[in-house]
C-alpha atoms as a PDB file:
ATOM      1  CA  MET A   1      -0.243  -0.056   0.022  1.00  0.00           C
ATOM      2  CA  SER A   2       1.357   3.604  -0.706  1.00  0.00           C
ATOM      3  CA  ASP A   3       0.587   6.869   1.184  1.00  0.00           C
ATOM      4  CA  SER A   4      -1.442   8.230  -1.656  1.00  0.00           C
ATOM      5  CA  GLU A   5      -3.841   5.671  -1.769  1.00  0.00           C
ATOM      6  CA  PHE A   6      -7.363   6.577   0.396  1.00  0.00           C
ATOM      7  CA  GLU A   7      -8.678   5.026   2.969  1.00  0.00           C
ATOM      8  CA  TRP A   8     -11.730   3.744   2.574  1.00  0.00           C
ATOM      9  CA  ASN A   9     -13.465   5.848   5.320  1.00  0.00           C
ATOM     10  CA  PHE A  10     -11.164   9.304   4.412  1.00  0.00           C
ATOM     11  CA  PHE A  11     -14.304  10.867   3.622  1.00  0.00           C
ATOM     12  CA  GLU A  12     -16.323  10.569   7.098  1.00  0.00           C
ATOM     13  CA  LYS A  13     -12.798  11.447   8.543  1.00  0.00           C
ATOM     14  CA  SER A  14     -11.915  14.629   6.472  1.00  0.00           C
ATOM     15  CA  SER A  15     -15.668  15.855   7.056  1.00  0.00           C
ATOM     16  CA  LEU A  16     -14.935  15.243  11.408  1.00  0.00           C
ATOM     17  CA  GLU A  17     -12.477  16.538  11.706  1.00  0.00           C
ATOM     18  CA  CYS A  18     -14.291  19.827  10.327  1.00  0.00           C
ATOM     19  CA  ALA A  19     -16.909  19.522  12.528  1.00  0.00           C
ATOM     20  CA  MET A  20     -17.349  22.192  14.721  1.00  0.00           C
ATOM     21  CA  ASP A  21     -19.304  20.857  17.268  1.00  0.00           C
ATOM     22  CA  GLU A  22     -21.184  17.381  18.271  1.00  0.00           C
ATOM     23  CA  SER A  23     -24.000  18.124  16.394  1.00  0.00           C
ATOM     24  CA  GLN A  24     -22.524  18.349  13.181  1.00  0.00           C
ATOM     25  CA  ARG A  25     -20.216  15.583  14.444  1.00  0.00           C
ATOM     26  CA  VAL A  26     -23.488  13.541  14.898  1.00  0.00           C
ATOM     27  CA  GLU A  27     -24.552  14.186  11.042  1.00  0.00           C
ATOM     28  CA  VAL A  28     -21.447  13.399   9.645  1.00  0.00           C
ATOM     29  CA  LEU A  29     -21.594  10.127  11.665  1.00  0.00           C
ATOM     30  CA  SER A  30     -25.253   9.359  11.009  1.00  0.00           C
ATOM     31  CA  PHE A  31     -24.328   9.819   6.861  1.00  0.00           C
ATOM     32  CA  TRP A  32     -21.612   7.322   6.730  1.00  0.00           C
ATOM     33  CA  MET A  33     -23.393   5.103   8.865  1.00  0.00           C
ATOM     34  CA  GLU A  34     -25.537   4.695   6.030  1.00  0.00           C
ATOM     35  CA  HIS A  35     -23.109   5.170   2.888  1.00  0.00           C
ATOM     36  CA  ILE A  36     -20.398   3.066   1.835  1.00  0.00           C
ATOM     37  CA  PRO A  37     -18.334   4.966  -0.461  1.00  0.00           C
ATOM     38  CA  PHE A  38     -16.410   2.268  -2.945  1.00  0.00           C
ATOM     39  CA  CYS A  39     -14.575   5.164  -5.392  1.00  0.00           C
ATOM     40  CA  ALA A  40     -12.854   8.074  -5.181  1.00  0.00           C
ATOM     41  CA  SER A  41     -11.532  10.817  -7.614  1.00  0.00           C
ATOM     42  CA  VAL A  42      -9.476  13.699  -7.381  1.00  0.00           C
ATOM     43  CA  ALA A  43     -10.241  14.116 -10.949  1.00  0.00           C
ATOM     44  CA  ASP A  44     -12.292  17.450 -10.232  1.00  0.00           C
ATOM     45  CA  GLY A  45     -11.709  18.124  -6.736  1.00  0.00           C
ATOM     46  CA  TYR A  46     -12.355  15.407  -4.163  1.00  0.00           C
ATOM     47  CA  SER A  47     -15.347  13.180  -4.453  1.00  0.00           C
ATOM     48  CA  TYR A  48     -16.512   9.894  -3.833  1.00  0.00           C
ATOM     49  CA  ILE A  49     -19.480   7.269  -5.100  1.00  0.00           C
ATOM     50  CA  ALA A  50     -21.131   5.111  -2.231  1.00  0.00           C
ATOM     51  CA  PHE A  51     -23.680   3.212  -2.140  1.00  0.00           C
ATOM     52  CA  ARG A  52     -26.743   4.195   0.427  1.00  0.00           C
ATOM     53  CA  LEU A  53     -28.116   1.103   2.453  1.00  0.00           C
ATOM     54  CA  SER A  54     -31.142   2.671   3.296  1.00  0.00           C
ATOM     55  CA  ASP A  55     -32.953   2.196  -0.615  1.00  0.00           C
ATOM     56  CA  GLY A  56     -29.817   0.697  -2.672  1.00  0.00           C
ATOM     57  CA  ALA A  57     -29.193   3.930  -4.444  1.00  0.00           C
ATOM     58  CA  VAL A  58     -25.730   4.719  -5.823  1.00  0.00           C
ATOM     59  CA  VAL A  59     -24.961   8.602  -4.670  1.00  0.00           C
ATOM     60  CA  LEU A  60     -22.044  10.936  -5.782  1.00  0.00           C
ATOM     61  CA  GLY A  61     -20.796  13.542  -3.224  1.00  0.00           C
ATOM     62  CA  THR A  62     -18.162  16.649  -3.609  1.00  0.00           C
ATOM     63  CA  GLU A  63     -15.947  18.819  -1.693  1.00  0.00           C
ATOM     64  CA  PRO A  64     -16.261  20.823   0.193  1.00  0.00           C
ATOM     65  CA  GLU A  65     -19.827  19.131   2.108  1.00  0.00           C
ATOM     66  CA  TYR A  66     -19.350  15.770   1.476  1.00  0.00           C
ATOM     67  CA  GLU A  67     -22.702  14.746   2.738  1.00  0.00           C
ATOM     68  CA  GLU A  68     -24.825  17.602   1.660  1.00  0.00           C
ATOM     69  CA  SER A  69     -23.500  17.549  -1.842  1.00  0.00           C
ATOM     70  CA  ALA A  70     -24.511  13.821  -2.193  1.00  0.00           C
ATOM     71  CA  LYS A  71     -26.755  13.278  -5.257  1.00  0.00           C
ATOM     72  CA  VAL A  72     -28.492  10.448  -6.393  1.00  0.00           C
ATOM     73  CA  ILE A  73     -26.523   9.079  -9.683  1.00  0.00           C
ATOM     74  CA  SER A  74     -28.648   5.553  -9.882  1.00  0.00           C
ATOM     75  CA  ASN A  75     -31.352   3.897  -8.311  1.00  0.00           C
ATOM     76  CA  SER A  76     -29.328   0.167  -8.103  1.00  0.00           C
ATOM     77  CA  MET A  77     -25.828  -1.082  -8.524  1.00  0.00           C
ATOM     78  CA  GLU A  78     -26.390  -2.359 -11.517  1.00  0.00           C
ATOM     79  CA  ASN A  79     -28.033   0.758 -13.117  1.00  0.00           C
ATOM     80  CA  PHE A  80     -24.688   2.480 -11.545  1.00  0.00           C
ATOM     81  CA  PHE A  81     -22.461  -0.144 -13.805  1.00  0.00           C
ATOM     82  CA  GLU A  82     -24.744   0.574 -16.908  1.00  0.00           C
ATOM     83  CA  LEU A  83     -23.647   4.426 -16.558  1.00  0.00           C
ATOM     84  CA  PHE A  84     -20.347   3.613 -15.278  1.00  0.00           C
ATOM     85  CA  VAL A  85     -19.580   1.817 -18.705  1.00  0.00           C
ATOM     86  CA  SER A  86     -21.463   3.971 -20.742  1.00  0.00           C
ATOM     87  CA  ALA A  87     -19.757   7.106 -19.655  1.00  0.00           C
ATOM     88  CA  ILE A  88     -16.289   5.474 -19.996  1.00  0.00           C
ATOM     89  CA  ARG A  89     -17.102   4.616 -23.232  1.00  0.00           C
ATOM     90  CA  SER A  90     -18.526   7.962 -24.864  1.00  0.00           C
ATOM     91  CA  HIS A  91     -16.939  11.214 -22.996  1.00  0.00           C
ATOM     92  CA  ALA A  92     -20.523  12.268 -21.967  1.00  0.00           C
ATOM     93  CA  ASP A  93     -20.871  14.712 -19.919  1.00  0.00           C
ATOM     94  CA  GLY A  94     -22.679  15.256 -16.160  1.00  0.00           C
ATOM     95  CA  MET A  95     -21.350  14.357 -12.835  1.00  0.00           C
ATOM     96  CA  MET A  96     -20.006  11.180 -13.990  1.00  0.00           C
ATOM     97  CA  ALA A  97     -17.814  12.528 -16.681  1.00  0.00           C
ATOM     98  CA  ARG A  98     -16.297  14.930 -13.685  1.00  0.00           C
ATOM     99  CA  PHE A  99     -15.669  12.546 -11.079  1.00  0.00           C
ATOM    100  CA  LEU A 100     -13.704  10.084 -14.034  1.00  0.00           C
ATOM    101  CA  GLY A 101     -11.937  13.211 -15.089  1.00  0.00           C
ATOM    102  CA  ASN A 102     -13.657  13.279 -19.232  1.00  0.00           C
ATOM    103  CA  LEU A 103     -14.462  17.300 -18.737  1.00  0.00           C
END
């Protein structure tokens, strides 16, 4: 493992470091208890893709407010992979393209 790799909970740790009070810490912890990040990017600033446990949706969040910026990009993992492959093949515009660095 190199020093340049993301820890699996990098975004949660980063948000906890920036939390101003206990209320914000609780909000951050609650969000990450419900989201499992599985992709990270620095192509257009720090961003992540995560699986949301409550409904199986896939969300994409960006800095500086990782939790507040989370937007649903797919309603299922199956649909997400179709979207991901399509973005790679076509260099389409949008959130996925920015995540992949296809600006």
